[in-house]
Amino acid sequence: MKLVIHPPVEPERLRQITAVAGPMAVVNADDEEHALRHMPDADAFFGKITLRLLASAPGLRWVQSPTASLEHYVFPDLAAHPCVLTNMRGLFSDVIADQVMGYVICFARNLHVYVLQAAAGRWAPVGGEAARVNFASGPAFVSDMDRAHRHLADATLGVIGLGAIGREVARRAAAFGMRVIAVDPQAVDRPPEVAALWSLEELPQLLGQSDFVVIAAPHTPQSAAMFRRPQFQKMKRDAYLINIGRGAIVVLDDLVAALEAGEIAGAALDVFETEPLPPDHALWRMPGRVILTPHVAGYSPRIAGRHLETLLGNIRRFVRGVPLSNVVDKEKWY
């Protein structure tokens, strides 16, 4: 058996790969030409496979993607090939879910607004100068400042895509006392933290009930441009959109229009149609209503170790002839 790696990995990673490969030969190809010379008798491949490499490997049985997302990885010939494709999903679930809850708390407590005000040396509780709390009025009195600060246990969070990330988001939201609802295109099981799980056809129902809408879906041919103006118009006017899925799912011109029209309260985005977000984009001019982060939701000191262990675990499985983990439906891109 032979495993071809391209682009090449660093020496320490190669040492660990070779150690678990056992009887399987490992080729750490310096360039594509080097890889091409070894593909005719390759059984497995790790890295960025191309049409040339695939076409030269008649006996290829397994391809391991180095990424979780596959919209820039899968091509028609690979989708049609009989090889098994696996990816790196599951590495980032808890990390990205933490970032989602960071956005939720910022919006609920106006923390992003207060950070901006502190930088300007401004003391101004969100809710306006006229919103002073009169404690003598008793507990029934509710000020504008109260209304401007959300109580999470009274809020509903809707998750689009109940995969590994969506489930971790649900667990964290439930810990804050939030009601969690979800939609997913697959017939998946409903975890105890999720009050209602519907098919994708029920997306309008989720949008109409949610105070926070979290996109945790992958980019697929079906999810591209899923969120346009009609979807924003189905959301509550005081609701927030959070996208940590893929930038291609949200049409940013439509999002800007919805924000300007007051159709939704705000948005937090870590992914964008075009990255980096162009410096003249309208979203940069909405600091009180929009939180923008530069595709960093998956950053963590834990990820490199998880990435390596996922690869090593699948190499062990392949050598033993047992089912691989993270198998992808190549037609669906996930």
Foldseek 3Di string as FASTA:
>chain_A
DEEEEPCFDDPVLVVLLVVLLVPYHYHNAPHVVSLLVPQCDHQEYEEQDDPSSVVNHPNHAEYEYLADFCPVRFDDVNLPDNHWYFYQPPLQQLLLLVVVVVVVQCQQAVVLVVVVCVVVVHDDQPQDPVFDDDCVVDPVDDGSSNVSHHQLLVFEEEEEACDSNVVSNLVVSVVSNHAYAYEYQDPDDDDPSHPYYYYPVCLLVRQQRHQEYEYAEEDWPVQFCLAAQVSLLSHQLAHEYEYLHEARNHDVVRVVVCCVVSSYQAYEYQHHPDPPPDPPDPLVVPSSRYHYHPNCSRDDPSNVVSSSVLVSVQSNCVSVVHDHPRTDNSNGRD
